[in-house]
């Protein structure tokens, strides 16, 4: 979606932001956006790690359950 943004498009976006927010608020806005993206990335990584850990726990439990269910059959 955003892979085709070039230098000219970024320059236009920057100029519009400069006009809308002004030169004093623009650095604060950049810091806020940077912090928000950092927090989102951290939350995303934590969520992905928790899913990976849960998947590993499930995989570790499955062989135990399979070995317990396999009892030798009595032939008579």
C-alpha atoms as a PDB file:
ATOM      1  CA  UNK A   1       0.000   0.000   0.000  1.00  0.00           C
ATOM      2  CA  UNK A   2       2.705   2.495   0.971  1.00  0.00           C
ATOM      3  CA  UNK A   3       5.470   0.828  -1.010  1.00  0.00           C
ATOM      4  CA  UNK A   4       5.115   3.174  -3.973  1.00  0.00           C
ATOM      5  CA  UNK A   5       5.624   6.472  -2.110  1.00  0.00           C
ATOM      6  CA  UNK A   6       8.518   8.384  -3.611  1.00  0.00           C
ATOM      7  CA  UNK A   7      10.513  11.434  -2.591  1.00  0.00           C
ATOM      8  CA  UNK A   8       8.108  13.881  -4.230  1.00  0.00           C
ATOM      9  CA  UNK A   9       5.096  12.423  -2.418  1.00  0.00           C
ATOM     10  CA  UNK A  10       6.929  12.536   0.927  1.00  0.00           C
ATOM     11  CA  UNK A  11       7.874  16.165   0.280  1.00  0.00           C
ATOM     12  CA  UNK A  12       4.239  17.074  -0.430  1.00  0.00           C
ATOM     13  CA  UNK A  13       3.091  15.296   2.745  1.00  0.00           C
ATOM     14  CA  UNK A  14       5.750  17.122   4.775  1.00  0.00           C
ATOM     15  CA  UNK A  15       4.738  20.509   3.339  1.00  0.00           C
ATOM     16  CA  UNK A  16       1.044  19.899   4.058  1.00  0.00           C
ATOM     17  CA  UNK A  17       1.881  18.841   7.619  1.00  0.00           C
ATOM     18  CA  UNK A  18       4.039  21.943   8.018  1.00  0.00           C
ATOM     19  CA  UNK A  19       1.163  24.163   6.878  1.00  0.00           C
ATOM     20  CA  UNK A  20      -1.421  22.414   9.052  1.00  0.00           C
ATOM     21  CA  UNK A  21       0.570  22.055  12.283  1.00  0.00           C
ATOM     22  CA  UNK A  22       3.140  24.806  11.987  1.00  0.00           C
ATOM     23  CA  UNK A  23       6.903  24.670  12.510  1.00  0.00           C
ATOM     24  CA  UNK A  24       6.678  24.604  16.325  1.00  0.00           C
ATOM     25  CA  UNK A  25       4.307  21.648  16.628  1.00  0.00           C
ATOM     26  CA  UNK A  26       5.879  19.516  13.892  1.00  0.00           C
ATOM     27  CA  UNK A  27       8.804  18.166  15.996  1.00  0.00           C
ATOM     28  CA  UNK A  28       6.424  17.319  18.844  1.00  0.00           C
ATOM     29  CA  UNK A  29       4.121  15.574  16.400  1.00  0.00           C
ATOM     30  CA  UNK A  30       7.054  13.581  14.995  1.00  0.00           C
ATOM     31  CA  UNK A  31       8.118  12.486  18.483  1.00  0.00           C
ATOM     32  CA  UNK A  32       4.580  11.457  19.363  1.00  0.00           C
ATOM     33  CA  UNK A  33       4.187   9.439  16.179  1.00  0.00           C
ATOM     34  CA  UNK A  34       7.584   7.812  16.751  1.00  0.00           C
ATOM     35  CA  UNK A  35       6.674   6.825  20.303  1.00  0.00           C
ATOM     36  CA  UNK A  36       3.303   5.476  19.187  1.00  0.00           C
ATOM     37  CA  UNK A  37       4.919   3.377  16.453  1.00  0.00           C
ATOM     38  CA  UNK A  38       7.518   2.104  18.917  1.00  0.00           C
ATOM     39  CA  UNK A  39       4.831   1.082  21.409  1.00  0.00           C
ATOM     40  CA  UNK A  40       2.821  -0.585  18.663  1.00  0.00           C
ATOM     41  CA  UNK A  41       5.877  -2.528  17.499  1.00  0.00           C
ATOM     42  CA  UNK A  42       6.655  -3.598  21.069  1.00  0.00           C
ATOM     43  CA  UNK A  43       3.068  -4.748  21.652  1.00  0.00           C
ATOM     44  CA  UNK A  44       3.079  -6.600  18.345  1.00  0.00           C
ATOM     45  CA  UNK A  45       6.337  -8.382  19.205  1.00  0.00           C
ATOM     46  CA  UNK A  46       5.038  -9.296  22.679  1.00  0.00           C
ATOM     47  CA  UNK A  47       1.831 -10.689  21.189  1.00  0.00           C
ATOM     48  CA  UNK A  48       3.757 -12.683  18.600  1.00  0.00           C
ATOM     49  CA  UNK A  49       6.078 -14.052  21.306  1.00  0.00           C
ATOM     50  CA  UNK A  50       3.132 -15.093  23.471  1.00  0.00           C
ATOM     51  CA  UNK A  51       1.567 -16.937  20.530  1.00  0.00           C
ATOM     52  CA  UNK A  52       4.861 -18.687  19.810  1.00  0.00           C
ATOM     53  CA  UNK A  53       5.236 -19.698  23.464  1.00  0.00           C
ATOM     54  CA  UNK A  54       1.658 -20.990  23.538  1.00  0.00           C
ATOM     55  CA  UNK A  55       2.266 -22.992  20.373  1.00  0.00           C
ATOM     56  CA  UNK A  56       5.399 -24.547  21.897  1.00  0.00           C
ATOM     57  CA  UNK A  57       3.479 -25.485  25.052  1.00  0.00           C
ATOM     58  CA  UNK A  58       0.784 -27.168  22.992  1.00  0.00           C
ATOM     59  CA  UNK A  59       3.367 -29.094  20.956  1.00  0.00           C
ATOM     60  CA  UNK A  60       5.096 -30.271  24.135  1.00  0.00           C
ATOM     61  CA  UNK A  61       1.822 -31.561  25.604  1.00  0.00           C
ATOM     62  CA  UNK A  62       0.723 -33.473  22.494  1.00  0.00           C
ATOM     63  CA  UNK A  63       3.437 -36.177  22.566  1.00  0.00           C
ATOM     64  CA  UNK A  64       2.715 -36.805  26.255  1.00  0.00           C
ATOM     65  CA  UNK A  65      -0.978 -37.299  25.529  1.00  0.00           C
ATOM     66  CA  UNK A  66      -0.251 -39.584  22.565  1.00  0.00           C
ATOM     67  CA  UNK A  67       2.143 -41.775  24.570  1.00  0.00           C
ATOM     68  CA  UNK A  68      -0.385 -42.112  27.395  1.00  0.00           C
ATOM     69  CA  UNK A  69      -3.160 -43.145  25.029  1.00  0.00           C
ATOM     70  CA  UNK A  70      -1.089 -45.896  23.409  1.00  0.00           C
ATOM     71  CA  UNK A  71      -1.532 -48.883  25.689  1.00  0.00           C
ATOM     72  CA  UNK A  72      -0.761 -52.365  24.496  1.00  0.00           C
ATOM     73  CA  UNK A  73      -3.863 -54.246  23.520  1.00  0.00           C
ATOM     74  CA  UNK A  74      -4.530 -57.513  25.255  1.00  0.00           C
ATOM     75  CA  UNK A  75      -4.958 -60.361  22.905  1.00  0.00           C
ATOM     76  CA  UNK A  76      -6.814 -63.306  24.130  1.00  0.00           C
END
